């Protein structure tokens, strides 16, 4: 999983944004993962109804999940 969050490789300099879709079973930790990536800490959350979409900015690119 951590390999997916590594910096953009040098052979992909044209990549400006990365769209990530996280899917899985109920209570699998998808929202926890999303908030961990966004806030760099664990956030207590309630079960999600519908879907979450967040824009995550890093020093290198913008990631929307």
C-alpha atoms as a PDB file:
ATOM      1  CA  UNK A   1       0.000   0.000   0.000  1.00  0.00           C
ATOM      2  CA  UNK A   2       2.781   2.427   0.878  1.00  0.00           C
ATOM      3  CA  UNK A   3       4.318   2.015  -2.564  1.00  0.00           C
ATOM      4  CA  UNK A   4       1.209   3.629  -4.053  1.00  0.00           C
ATOM      5  CA  UNK A   5       1.893   6.779  -2.025  1.00  0.00           C
ATOM      6  CA  UNK A   6       5.499   7.206  -3.121  1.00  0.00           C
ATOM      7  CA  UNK A   7       6.601  10.325  -5.040  1.00  0.00           C
ATOM      8  CA  UNK A   8       5.882  10.517  -8.770  1.00  0.00           C
ATOM      9  CA  UNK A   9       8.563   8.557 -10.645  1.00  0.00           C
ATOM     10  CA  UNK A  10      10.929  10.551 -12.898  1.00  0.00           C
ATOM     11  CA  UNK A  11       9.543   8.867 -16.034  1.00  0.00           C
ATOM     12  CA  UNK A  12       6.101  10.440 -15.314  1.00  0.00           C
ATOM     13  CA  UNK A  13       6.900  14.171 -15.038  1.00  0.00           C
ATOM     14  CA  UNK A  14       3.715  15.105 -16.927  1.00  0.00           C
ATOM     15  CA  UNK A  15       1.506  13.697 -14.151  1.00  0.00           C
ATOM     16  CA  UNK A  16      -0.146  16.675 -12.424  1.00  0.00           C
ATOM     17  CA  UNK A  17      -2.974  14.980 -10.526  1.00  0.00           C
ATOM     18  CA  UNK A  18      -3.703  11.472  -9.401  1.00  0.00           C
ATOM     19  CA  UNK A  19      -7.236  10.153  -8.941  1.00  0.00           C
ATOM     20  CA  UNK A  20      -7.529   7.255  -6.508  1.00  0.00           C
ATOM     21  CA  UNK A  21     -10.669   5.218  -5.897  1.00  0.00           C
ATOM     22  CA  UNK A  22     -10.758   3.182  -2.693  1.00  0.00           C
ATOM     23  CA  UNK A  23     -13.343   0.400  -2.655  1.00  0.00           C
ATOM     24  CA  UNK A  24     -13.986  -2.410  -0.210  1.00  0.00           C
ATOM     25  CA  UNK A  25     -16.375  -4.104   2.146  1.00  0.00           C
ATOM     26  CA  UNK A  26     -18.301  -2.363   4.921  1.00  0.00           C
ATOM     27  CA  UNK A  27     -16.196  -1.478   7.976  1.00  0.00           C
ATOM     28  CA  UNK A  28     -12.944  -2.259   6.135  1.00  0.00           C
ATOM     29  CA  UNK A  29     -11.241   1.038   7.032  1.00  0.00           C
ATOM     30  CA  UNK A  30     -11.596   2.980   3.776  1.00  0.00           C
ATOM     31  CA  UNK A  31     -12.610   6.231   5.493  1.00  0.00           C
ATOM     32  CA  UNK A  32      -9.908   5.747   8.135  1.00  0.00           C
ATOM     33  CA  UNK A  33      -7.316   5.382   5.372  1.00  0.00           C
ATOM     34  CA  UNK A  34      -8.624   8.484   3.608  1.00  0.00           C
ATOM     35  CA  UNK A  35      -8.480  10.614   6.749  1.00  0.00           C
ATOM     36  CA  UNK A  36      -5.055   9.207   7.682  1.00  0.00           C
ATOM     37  CA  UNK A  37      -3.700  10.339   4.312  1.00  0.00           C
ATOM     38  CA  UNK A  38      -5.352  13.745   4.545  1.00  0.00           C
ATOM     39  CA  UNK A  39      -4.602  14.690   8.159  1.00  0.00           C
ATOM     40  CA  UNK A  40      -1.493  12.525   8.878  1.00  0.00           C
ATOM     41  CA  UNK A  41      -3.217  11.236  12.005  1.00  0.00           C
ATOM     42  CA  UNK A  42      -5.982   8.834  12.918  1.00  0.00           C
ATOM     43  CA  UNK A  43      -9.398  10.490  13.145  1.00  0.00           C
ATOM     44  CA  UNK A  44     -12.381   8.872  14.808  1.00  0.00           C
ATOM     45  CA  UNK A  45     -15.192   8.625  12.255  1.00  0.00           C
ATOM     46  CA  UNK A  46     -18.742   7.330  12.048  1.00  0.00           C
ATOM     47  CA  UNK A  47     -19.903   4.831   9.404  1.00  0.00           C
ATOM     48  CA  UNK A  48     -20.142   6.518   6.023  1.00  0.00           C
ATOM     49  CA  UNK A  49     -23.485   6.761   4.239  1.00  0.00           C
ATOM     50  CA  UNK A  50     -23.018   7.218   0.515  1.00  0.00           C
ATOM     51  CA  UNK A  51     -19.433   8.128  -0.348  1.00  0.00           C
ATOM     52  CA  UNK A  52     -16.576  10.419   0.671  1.00  0.00           C
ATOM     53  CA  UNK A  53     -14.525  12.494  -1.710  1.00  0.00           C
ATOM     54  CA  UNK A  54     -11.556  14.478  -0.459  1.00  0.00           C
ATOM     55  CA  UNK A  55      -8.861  16.481  -2.199  1.00  0.00           C
ATOM     56  CA  UNK A  56      -5.449  15.854  -0.695  1.00  0.00           C
ATOM     57  CA  UNK A  57      -2.644  18.253  -1.537  1.00  0.00           C
ATOM     58  CA  UNK A  58       0.971  17.226  -1.109  1.00  0.00           C
ATOM     59  CA  UNK A  59       4.189  19.073  -1.816  1.00  0.00           C
ATOM     60  CA  UNK A  60       4.433  17.332  -5.168  1.00  0.00           C
ATOM     61  CA  UNK A  61       0.926  16.861  -6.560  1.00  0.00           C
ATOM     62  CA  UNK A  62      -2.761  17.001  -5.687  1.00  0.00           C
ATOM     63  CA  UNK A  63      -4.428  13.712  -4.870  1.00  0.00           C
ATOM     64  CA  UNK A  64      -8.193  13.317  -4.935  1.00  0.00           C
ATOM     65  CA  UNK A  65      -9.635  10.126  -3.494  1.00  0.00           C
END
